[in-house]
PDB file of N, CA and C in Angstrom:
ATOM      1  N   MET A   1     -57.466 112.557   7.134  1.00  0.00           N
ATOM      2  CA  MET A   1     -56.616 113.661   6.776  1.00  0.00           C
ATOM      3  C   MET A   1     -55.172 113.321   7.128  1.00  0.00           C
ATOM      4  N   PRO A   2     -54.234 113.480   6.184  1.00  0.00           N
ATOM      5  CA  PRO A   2     -52.837 113.151   6.458  1.00  0.00           C
ATOM      6  C   PRO A   2     -52.216 114.102   7.485  1.00  0.00           C
ATOM      7  N   PHE A   3     -51.311 113.576   8.251  1.00  0.00           N
ATOM      8  CA  PHE A   3     -50.594 114.371   9.247  1.00  0.00           C
ATOM      9  C   PHE A   3     -49.433 115.087   8.567  1.00  0.00           C
ATOM     10  N   SER A   4     -49.176 116.322   8.981  1.00  0.00           N
ATOM     11  CA  SER A   4     -47.948 116.996   8.579  1.00  0.00           C
ATOM     12  C   SER A   4     -46.821 116.415   9.434  1.00  0.00           C
ATOM     13  N   ALA A   5     -45.593 116.609   8.989  1.00  0.00           N
ATOM     14  CA  ALA A   5     -44.459 116.118   9.767  1.00  0.00           C
ATOM     15  C   ALA A   5     -44.434 116.771  11.146  1.00  0.00           C
ATOM     16  N   ASP A   6     -44.732 118.062  11.202  1.00  0.00           N
ATOM     17  CA  ASP A   6     -44.732 118.764  12.498  1.00  0.00           C
ATOM     18  C   ASP A   6     -45.795 118.208  13.440  1.00  0.00           C
ATOM     19  N   ALA A   7     -46.993 117.988  12.920  1.00  0.00           N
ATOM     20  CA  ALA A   7     -48.072 117.443  13.752  1.00  0.00           C
ATOM     21  C   ALA A   7     -47.736 116.028  14.210  1.00  0.00           C
ATOM     22  N   ALA A   8     -47.106 115.249  13.332  1.00  0.00           N
ATOM     23  CA  ALA A   8     -46.721 113.879  13.688  1.00  0.00           C
ATOM     24  C   ALA A   8     -45.657 113.888  14.784  1.00  0.00           C
ATOM     25  N   GLU A   9     -44.693 114.797  14.671  1.00  0.00           N
ATOM     26  CA  GLU A   9     -43.660 114.894  15.705  1.00  0.00           C
ATOM     27  C   GLU A   9     -44.271 115.329  17.039  1.00  0.00           C
ATOM     28  N   THR A  10     -45.214 116.242  16.980  1.00  0.00           N
ATOM     29  CA  THR A  10     -45.881 116.694  18.208  1.00  0.00           C
ATOM     30  C   THR A  10     -46.609 115.534  18.880  1.00  0.00           C
ATOM     31  N   LEU A  11     -47.329 114.733  18.093  1.00  0.00           N
ATOM     32  CA  LEU A  11     -48.025 113.588  18.684  1.00  0.00           C
ATOM     33  C   LEU A  11     -47.014 112.559  19.188  1.00  0.00           C
ATOM     34  N   GLY A  12     -45.908 112.389  18.478  1.00  0.00           N
ATOM     35  CA  GLY A  12     -44.858 111.492  18.947  1.00  0.00           C
ATOM     36  C   GLY A  12     -44.284 111.942  20.278  1.00  0.00           C
ATOM     37  N   LEU A  13     -44.090 113.242  20.442  1.00  0.00           N
ATOM     38  CA  LEU A  13     -43.610 113.775  21.724  1.00  0.00           C
ATOM     39  C   LEU A  13     -44.628 113.547  22.831  1.00  0.00           C
ATOM     40  N   LYS A  14     -45.899 113.713  22.514  1.00  0.00           N
ATOM     41  CA  LYS A  14     -46.947 113.447  23.504  1.00  0.00           C
ATOM     42  C   LYS A  14     -46.956 111.976  23.892  1.00  0.00           C
ATOM     43  N   ALA A  15     -46.741 111.102  22.906  1.00  0.00           N
ATOM     44  CA  ALA A  15     -46.677 109.664  23.195  1.00  0.00           C
ATOM     45  C   ALA A  15     -45.472 109.356  24.073  1.00  0.00           C
ATOM     46  N   LEU A  16     -44.340 109.997  23.794  1.00  0.00           N
ATOM     47  CA  LEU A  16     -43.143 109.798  24.607  1.00  0.00           C
ATOM     48  C   LEU A  16     -43.385 110.266  26.036  1.00  0.00           C
ATOM     49  N   ALA A  17     -44.010 111.421  26.203  1.00  0.00           N
ATOM     50  CA  ALA A  17     -44.313 111.930  27.547  1.00  0.00           C
ATOM     51  C   ALA A  17     -45.268 110.994  28.274  1.00  0.00           C
ATOM     52  N   TRP A  18     -46.275 110.506  27.559  1.00  0.00           N
ATOM     53  CA  TRP A  18     -47.238 109.576  28.160  1.00  0.00           C
ATOM     54  C   TRP A  18     -46.526 108.299  28.590  1.00  0.00           C
ATOM     55  N   LEU A  19     -45.655 107.800  27.724  1.00  0.00           N
ATOM     56  CA  LEU A  19     -44.912 106.579  28.019  1.00  0.00           C
ATOM     57  C   LEU A  19     -43.988 106.779  29.210  1.00  0.00           C
ATOM     58  N   ALA A  20     -43.310 107.919  29.264  1.00  0.00           N
ATOM     59  CA  ALA A  20     -42.387 108.202  30.364  1.00  0.00           C
ATOM     60  C   ALA A  20     -43.123 108.281  31.702  1.00  0.00           C
ATOM     61  N   GLY A  21     -44.385 108.666  31.671  1.00  0.00           N
ATOM     62  CA  GLY A  21     -45.175 108.746  32.893  1.00  0.00           C
ATOM     63  C   GLY A  21     -45.899 107.466  33.254  1.00  0.00           C
ATOM     64  N   ASN A  22     -45.725 106.429  32.442  1.00  0.00           N
ATOM     65  CA  ASN A  22     -46.404 105.154  32.668  1.00  0.00           C
ATOM     66  C   ASN A  22     -45.426 104.186  33.334  1.00  0.00           C
ATOM     67  N   ASP A  23     -45.556 104.029  34.653  1.00  0.00           N
ATOM     68  CA  ASP A  23     -44.607 103.224  35.418  1.00  0.00           C
ATOM     69  C   ASP A  23     -44.591 101.752  35.025  1.00  0.00           C
ATOM     70  N   GLU A  24     -45.678 101.247  34.476  1.00  0.00           N
ATOM     71  CA  GLU A  24     -45.728  99.847  34.068  1.00  0.00           C
ATOM     72  C   GLU A  24     -45.165  99.637  32.666  1.00  0.00           C
ATOM     73  N   LEU A  25     -45.450 100.566  31.757  1.00  0.00           N
ATOM     74  CA  LEU A  25     -45.088 100.383  30.358  1.00  0.00           C
ATOM     75  C   LEU A  25     -43.695 100.892  30.011  1.00  0.00           C
ATOM     76  N   LEU A  26     -43.217 101.915  30.709  1.00  0.00           N
ATOM     77  CA  LEU A  26     -41.891 102.458  30.405  1.00  0.00           C
ATOM     78  C   LEU A  26     -40.794 101.398  30.485  1.00  0.00           C
ATOM     79  N   PRO A  27     -40.739 100.566  31.534  1.00  0.00           N
ATOM     80  CA  PRO A  27     -39.693  99.543  31.578  1.00  0.00           C
ATOM     81  C   PRO A  27     -39.791  98.550  30.411  1.00  0.00           C
ATOM     82  N   VAL A  28     -41.003  98.287  29.941  1.00  0.00           N
ATOM     83  CA  VAL A  28     -41.182  97.386  28.797  1.00  0.00           C
ATOM     84  C   VAL A  28     -40.573  98.021  27.551  1.00  0.00           C
ATOM     85  N   PHE A  29     -40.849  99.309  27.345  1.00  0.00           N
ATOM     86  CA  PHE A  29     -40.280 100.026  26.199  1.00  0.00           C
ATOM     87  C   PHE A  29     -38.756 100.051  26.285  1.00  0.00           C
ATOM     88  N   LEU A  30     -38.227 100.417  27.446  1.00  0.00           N
ATOM     89  CA  LEU A  30     -36.776 100.483  27.610  1.00  0.00           C
ATOM     90  C   LEU A  30     -36.134  99.116  27.396  1.00  0.00           C
ATOM     91  N   GLY A  31     -36.754  98.078  27.926  1.00  0.00           N
ATOM     92  CA  GLY A  31     -36.212  96.731  27.761  1.00  0.00           C
ATOM     93  C   GLY A  31     -36.272  96.237  26.329  1.00  0.00           C
ATOM     94  N   SER A  32     -37.323  96.574  25.616  1.00  0.00           N
ATOM     95  CA  SER A  32     -37.462  96.077  24.248  1.00  0.00           C
ATOM     96  C   SER A  32     -36.608  96.863  23.255  1.00  0.00           C
ATOM     97  N   THR A  33     -36.295  98.123  23.579  1.00  0.00           N
ATOM     98  CA  THR A  33     -35.500  98.933  22.661  1.00  0.00           C
ATOM     99  C   THR A  33     -34.036  99.019  23.047  1.00  0.00           C
ATOM    100  N   GLY A  34     -33.733  98.725  24.295  1.00  0.00           N
ATOM    101  CA  GLY A  34     -32.360  98.887  24.774  1.00  0.00           C
ATOM    102  C   GLY A  34     -32.036 100.332  25.099  1.00  0.00           C
ATOM    103  N   ALA A  35     -33.017 101.205  25.027  1.00  0.00           N
ATOM    104  CA  ALA A  35     -32.806 102.619  25.330  1.00  0.00           C
ATOM    105  C   ALA A  35     -32.761 102.827  26.843  1.00  0.00           C
ATOM    106  N   SER A  36     -32.089 103.896  27.237  1.00  0.00           N
ATOM    107  CA  SER A  36     -32.067 104.290  28.646  1.00  0.00           C
ATOM    108  C   SER A  36     -32.946 105.526  28.805  1.00  0.00           C
ATOM    109  N   GLU A  37     -33.198 105.902  30.043  1.00  0.00           N
ATOM    110  CA  GLU A  37     -33.973 107.116  30.264  1.00  0.00           C
ATOM    111  C   GLU A  37     -33.232 108.336  29.727  1.00  0.00           C
ATOM    112  N   ALA A  38     -31.902 108.316  29.770  1.00  0.00           N
ATOM    113  CA  ALA A  38     -31.120 109.417  29.195  1.00  0.00           C
ATOM    114  C   ALA A  38     -31.312 109.473  27.680  1.00  0.00           C
ATOM    115  N   ASP A  39     -31.425 108.305  27.045  1.00  0.00           N
ATOM    116  CA  ASP A  39     -31.671 108.265  25.603  1.00  0.00           C
ATOM    117  C   ASP A  39     -33.007 108.909  25.252  1.00  0.00           C
ATOM    118  N   LEU A  40     -34.006 108.728  26.110  1.00  0.00           N
ATOM    119  CA  LEU A  40     -35.312 109.331  25.857  1.00  0.00           C
ATOM    120  C   LEU A  40     -35.196 110.844  25.759  1.00  0.00           C
ATOM    121  N   ARG A  41     -34.439 111.410  26.687  1.00  0.00           N
ATOM    122  CA  ARG A  41     -34.258 112.869  26.666  1.00  0.00           C
ATOM    123  C   ARG A  41     -33.411 113.299  25.470  1.00  0.00           C
ATOM    124  N   ALA A  42     -32.347 112.574  25.204  1.00  0.00           N
ATOM    125  CA  ALA A  42     -31.417 112.959  24.138  1.00  0.00           C
ATOM    126  C   ALA A  42     -32.034 112.827  22.749  1.00  0.00           C
ATOM    127  N   GLN A  43     -32.932 111.861  22.565  1.00  0.00           N
ATOM    128  CA  GLN A  43     -33.473 111.593  21.242  1.00  0.00           C
ATOM    129  C   GLN A  43     -34.896 112.120  21.047  1.00  0.00           C
ATOM    130  N   ALA A  44     -35.403 112.861  21.996  1.00  0.00           N
ATOM    131  CA  ALA A  44     -36.785 113.338  21.917  1.00  0.00           C
ATOM    132  C   ALA A  44     -37.034 114.245  20.714  1.00  0.00           C
ATOM    133  N   SER A  45     -35.995 114.842  20.180  1.00  0.00           N
ATOM    134  CA  SER A  45     -36.177 115.718  19.016  1.00  0.00           C
ATOM    135  C   SER A  45     -35.923 115.000  17.691  1.00  0.00           C
ATOM    136  N   ASP A  46     -35.616 113.716  17.739  1.00  0.00           N
ATOM    137  CA  ASP A  46     -35.320 112.936  16.532  1.00  0.00           C
ATOM    138  C   ASP A  46     -36.608 112.315  15.987  1.00  0.00           C
ATOM    139  N   PRO A  47     -37.050 112.732  14.798  1.00  0.00           N
ATOM    140  CA  PRO A  47     -38.287 112.188  14.235  1.00  0.00           C
ATOM    141  C   PRO A  47     -38.271 110.660  14.091  1.00  0.00           C
ATOM    142  N   ALA A  48     -37.119 110.083  13.779  1.00  0.00           N
ATOM    143  CA  ALA A  48     -37.034 108.629  13.643  1.00  0.00           C
ATOM    144  C   ALA A  48     -37.265 107.946  14.998  1.00  0.00           C
ATOM    145  N   PHE A  49     -36.729 108.531  16.063  1.00  0.00           N
ATOM    146  CA  PHE A  49     -36.945 107.976  17.398  1.00  0.00           C
ATOM    147  C   PHE A  49     -38.409 108.090  17.794  1.00  0.00           C
ATOM    148  N   LEU A  50     -39.017 109.239  17.494  1.00  0.00           N
ATOM    149  CA  LEU A  50     -40.439 109.404  17.797  1.00  0.00           C
ATOM    150  C   LEU A  50     -41.272 108.389  17.025  1.00  0.00           C
ATOM    151  N   GLY A  51     -40.829 108.058  15.813  1.00  0.00           N
ATOM    152  CA  GLY A  51     -41.492 107.000  15.057  1.00  0.00           C
ATOM    153  C   GLY A  51     -41.398 105.666  15.773  1.00  0.00           C
ATOM    154  N   SER A  52     -40.246 105.388  16.378  1.00  0.00           N
ATOM    155  CA  SER A  52     -40.103 104.122  17.105  1.00  0.00           C
ATOM    156  C   SER A  52     -40.988 104.091  18.343  1.00  0.00           C
ATOM    157  N   VAL A  53     -41.187 105.256  18.963  1.00  0.00           N
ATOM    158  CA  VAL A  53     -42.107 105.335  20.102  1.00  0.00           C
ATOM    159  C   VAL A  53     -43.519 104.986  19.640  1.00  0.00           C
ATOM    160  N   LEU A  54     -43.934 105.554  18.504  1.00  0.00           N
ATOM    161  CA  LEU A  54     -45.272 105.255  17.983  1.00  0.00           C
ATOM    162  C   LEU A  54     -45.364 103.815  17.499  1.00  0.00           C
ATOM    163  N   ASP A  55     -44.274 103.269  16.950  1.00  0.00           N
ATOM    164  CA  ASP A  55     -44.264 101.848  16.580  1.00  0.00           C
ATOM    165  C   ASP A  55     -44.563 100.987  17.802  1.00  0.00           C
ATOM    166  N   PHE A  56     -43.879 101.289  18.894  1.00  0.00           N
ATOM    167  CA  PHE A  56     -44.083 100.533  20.127  1.00  0.00           C
ATOM    168  C   PHE A  56     -45.509 100.680  20.630  1.00  0.00           C
ATOM    169  N   LEU A  57     -45.977 101.907  20.689  1.00  0.00           N
ATOM    170  CA  LEU A  57     -47.318 102.179  21.198  1.00  0.00           C
ATOM    171  C   LEU A  57     -48.384 101.430  20.409  1.00  0.00           C
ATOM    172  N   THR A  58     -48.236 101.400  19.101  1.00  0.00           N
ATOM    173  CA  THR A  58     -49.272 100.801  18.256  1.00  0.00           C
ATOM    174  C   THR A  58     -49.186  99.274  18.185  1.00  0.00           C
ATOM    175  N   MET A  59     -48.288  98.681  18.943  1.00  0.00           N
ATOM    176  CA  MET A  59     -48.215  97.217  18.993  1.00  0.00           C
ATOM    177  C   MET A  59     -49.387  96.613  19.766  1.00  0.00           C
ATOM    178  N   ASP A  60     -50.035  97.406  20.594  1.00  0.00           N
ATOM    179  CA  ASP A  60     -51.092  96.870  21.450  1.00  0.00           C
ATOM    180  C   ASP A  60     -52.282  97.820  21.444  1.00  0.00           C
ATOM    181  N   ASP A  61     -53.433  97.304  21.070  1.00  0.00           N
ATOM    182  CA  ASP A  61     -54.638  98.133  21.008  1.00  0.00           C
ATOM    183  C   ASP A  61     -54.958  98.789  22.349  1.00  0.00           C
ATOM    184  N   ALA A  62     -54.726  98.072  23.443  1.00  0.00           N
ATOM    185  CA  ALA A  62     -55.029  98.633  24.767  1.00  0.00           C
ATOM    186  C   ALA A  62     -54.152  99.850  25.047  1.00  0.00           C
ATOM    187  N   TRP A  63     -52.886  99.798  24.633  1.00  0.00           N
ATOM    188  CA  TRP A  63     -51.993 100.938  24.840  1.00  0.00           C
ATOM    189  C   TRP A  63     -52.470 102.135  24.019  1.00  0.00           C
ATOM    190  N   VAL A  64     -52.851 101.863  22.775  1.00  0.00           N
ATOM    191  CA  VAL A  64     -53.355 102.933  21.907  1.00  0.00           C
ATOM    192  C   VAL A  64     -54.585 103.568  22.537  1.00  0.00           C
ATOM    193  N   MET A  65     -55.483 102.745  23.006  1.00  0.00           N
ATOM    194  CA  MET A  65     -56.716 103.254  23.599  1.00  0.00           C
ATOM    195  C   MET A  65     -56.425 104.095  24.842  1.00  0.00           C
ATOM    196  N   GLN A  66     -55.530 103.621  25.702  1.00  0.00           N
ATOM    197  CA  GLN A  66     -55.194 104.369  26.917  1.00  0.00           C
ATOM    198  C   GLN A  66     -54.570 105.719  26.567  1.00  0.00           C
ATOM    199  N   PHE A  67     -53.635 105.705  25.620  1.00  0.00           N
ATOM    200  CA  PHE A  67     -52.975 106.943  25.208  1.00  0.00           C
ATOM    201  C   PHE A  67     -53.979 107.914  24.596  1.00  0.00           C
ATOM    202  N   CYS A  68     -54.755 107.434  23.650  1.00  0.00           N
ATOM    203  CA  CYS A  68     -55.717 108.306  22.962  1.00  0.00           C
ATOM    204  C   CYS A  68     -56.788 108.830  23.915  1.00  0.00           C
ATOM    205  N   ASP A  69     -57.252 107.971  24.797  1.00  0.00           N
ATOM    206  CA  ASP A  69     -58.247 108.409  25.775  1.00  0.00           C
ATOM    207  C   ASP A  69     -57.677 109.502  26.687  1.00  0.00           C
ATOM    208  N   SER A  70     -56.385 109.401  27.016  1.00  0.00           N
ATOM    209  CA  SER A  70     -55.776 110.413  27.887  1.00  0.00           C
ATOM    210  C   SER A  70     -55.691 111.769  27.198  1.00  0.00           C
ATOM    211  N   LEU A  71     -55.631 111.773  25.859  1.00  0.00           N
ATOM    212  CA  LEU A  71     -55.559 113.028  25.104  1.00  0.00           C
ATOM    213  C   LEU A  71     -56.895 113.442  24.505  1.00  0.00           C
ATOM    214  N   GLY A  72     -57.860 112.519  24.521  1.00  0.00           N
ATOM    215  CA  GLY A  72     -59.149 112.810  23.910  1.00  0.00           C
ATOM    216  C   GLY A  72     -59.086 112.868  22.392  1.00  0.00           C
ATOM    217  N   ILE A  73     -58.275 111.983  21.803  1.00  0.00           N
ATOM    218  CA  ILE A  73     -58.132 111.943  20.347  1.00  0.00           C
ATOM    219  C   ILE A  73     -58.624 110.598  19.822  1.00  0.00           C
ATOM    220  N   SER A  74     -58.823 110.513  18.513  1.00  0.00           N
ATOM    221  CA  SER A  74     -59.298 109.260  17.922  1.00  0.00           C
ATOM    222  C   SER A  74     -58.187 108.213  17.931  1.00  0.00           C
ATOM    223  N   TYR A  75     -58.598 106.963  17.937  1.00  0.00           N
ATOM    224  CA  TYR A  75     -57.652 105.850  18.017  1.00  0.00           C
ATOM    225  C   TYR A  75     -56.805 105.696  16.756  1.00  0.00           C
ATOM    226  N   GLU A  76     -57.187 106.308  15.670  1.00  0.00           N
ATOM    227  CA  GLU A  76     -56.440 106.202  14.423  1.00  0.00           C
ATOM    228  C   GLU A  76     -55.254 107.166  14.366  1.00  0.00           C
ATOM    229  N   GLN A  77     -55.269 108.186  15.186  1.00  0.00           N
ATOM    230  CA  GLN A  77     -54.253 109.234  15.069  1.00  0.00           C
ATOM    231  C   GLN A  77     -52.811 108.762  15.281  1.00  0.00           C
ATOM    232  N   PRO A  78     -52.515 107.870  16.234  1.00  0.00           N
ATOM    233  CA  PRO A  78     -51.122 107.425  16.349  1.00  0.00           C
ATOM    234  C   PRO A  78     -50.599 106.744  15.077  1.00  0.00           C
ATOM    235  N   MET A  79     -51.416 105.963  14.416  1.00  0.00           N
ATOM    236  CA  MET A  79     -50.954 105.301  13.193  1.00  0.00           C
ATOM    237  C   MET A  79     -50.804 106.307  12.059  1.00  0.00           C
ATOM    238  N   HIS A  80     -51.702 107.257  11.967  1.00  0.00           N
ATOM    239  CA  HIS A  80     -51.573 108.296  10.943  1.00  0.00           C
ATOM    240  C   HIS A  80     -50.305 109.116  11.172  1.00  0.00           C
ATOM    241  N   ALA A  81     -50.039 109.441  12.424  1.00  0.00           N
ATOM    242  CA  ALA A  81     -48.819 110.179  12.747  1.00  0.00           C
ATOM    243  C   ALA A  81     -47.594 109.343  12.422  1.00  0.00           C
ATOM    244  N   ARG A  82     -47.655 108.059  12.733  1.00  0.00           N
ATOM    245  CA  ARG A  82     -46.504 107.184  12.454  1.00  0.00           C
ATOM    246  C   ARG A  82     -46.174 107.166  10.971  1.00  0.00           C
ATOM    247  N   MET A  83     -47.187 107.153  10.132  1.00  0.00           N
ATOM    248  CA  MET A  83     -46.957 107.099   8.689  1.00  0.00           C
ATOM    249  C   MET A  83     -46.303 108.386   8.172  1.00  0.00           C
ATOM    250  N   ALA A  84     -46.417 109.484   8.915  1.00  0.00           N
ATOM    251  CA  ALA A  84     -45.837 110.760   8.489  1.00  0.00           C
ATOM    252  C   ALA A  84     -44.392 110.941   8.954  1.00  0.00           C
ATOM    253  N   LEU A  85     -43.903 110.026   9.773  1.00  0.00           N
ATOM    254  CA  LEU A  85     -42.539 110.116  10.282  1.00  0.00           C
ATOM    255  C   LEU A  85     -41.611 109.199   9.488  1.00  0.00           C
ATOM    256  N   PRO A  86     -40.295 109.403   9.560  1.00  0.00           N
ATOM    257  CA  PRO A  86     -39.352 108.571   8.808  1.00  0.00           C
ATOM    258  C   PRO A  86     -39.561 107.082   9.075  1.00  0.00           C
ATOM    259  N   GLY A  87     -39.621 106.308   7.996  1.00  0.00           N
ATOM    260  CA  GLY A  87     -39.809 104.863   8.098  1.00  0.00           C
ATOM    261  C   GLY A  87     -41.232 104.423   8.270  1.00  0.00           C
ATOM    262  N   GLY A  88     -42.171 105.352   8.212  1.00  0.00           N
ATOM    263  CA  GLY A  88     -43.569 105.018   8.475  1.00  0.00           C
ATOM    264  C   GLY A  88     -44.411 104.733   7.272  1.00  0.00           C
ATOM    265  N   ALA A  89     -43.856 104.886   6.074  1.00  0.00           N
ATOM    266  CA  ALA A  89     -44.654 104.639   4.869  1.00  0.00           C
ATOM    267  C   ALA A  89     -45.020 103.158   4.791  1.00  0.00           C
ATOM    268  N   GLN A  90     -46.256 102.895   4.492  1.00  0.00           N
ATOM    269  CA  GLN A  90     -46.686 101.513   4.362  1.00  0.00           C
ATOM    270  C   GLN A  90     -46.201 100.935   3.037  1.00  0.00           C
ATOM    271  N   VAL A  91     -45.725  99.708   3.097  1.00  0.00           N
ATOM    272  CA  VAL A  91     -45.236  99.030   1.906  1.00  0.00           C
ATOM    273  C   VAL A  91     -46.371  98.211   1.309  1.00  0.00           C
ATOM    274  N   HIS A  92     -46.593  98.383   0.036  1.00  0.00           N
ATOM    275  CA  HIS A  92     -47.601  97.607  -0.672  1.00  0.00           C
ATOM    276  C   HIS A  92     -46.882  96.634  -1.603  1.00  0.00           C
ATOM    277  N   TRP A  93     -47.104  95.355  -1.408  1.00  0.00           N
ATOM    278  CA  TRP A  93     -46.380  94.334  -2.156  1.00  0.00           C
ATOM    279  C   TRP A  93     -47.055  93.972  -3.472  1.00  0.00           C
ATOM    280  N   THR A  94     -48.228  94.517  -3.732  1.00  0.00           N
ATOM    281  CA  THR A  94     -48.909  94.165  -4.984  1.00  0.00           C
ATOM    282  C   THR A  94     -48.808  95.269  -5.997  1.00  0.00           C
TER     283      THR A  94
END
């Protein structure tokens, strides 16, 4: 079932909160994006930023599993949510 933009943003916010509470992974996210902790707060309402959070999260299956297990949701939901946010449409080259 496709995600609505609102549902995708909500899951993106949950991913951001989960990431902010992860002492091991947060510095990796900040280092790879160049964002600061102040940027996290300032951009939390930006759908494109939430998409980047989900992009980061979905880079590693273990991260996806940890996040989804913490919420009790299926492992496919972060990618479905990502596709509903700006820049998330999959490109088909054929």
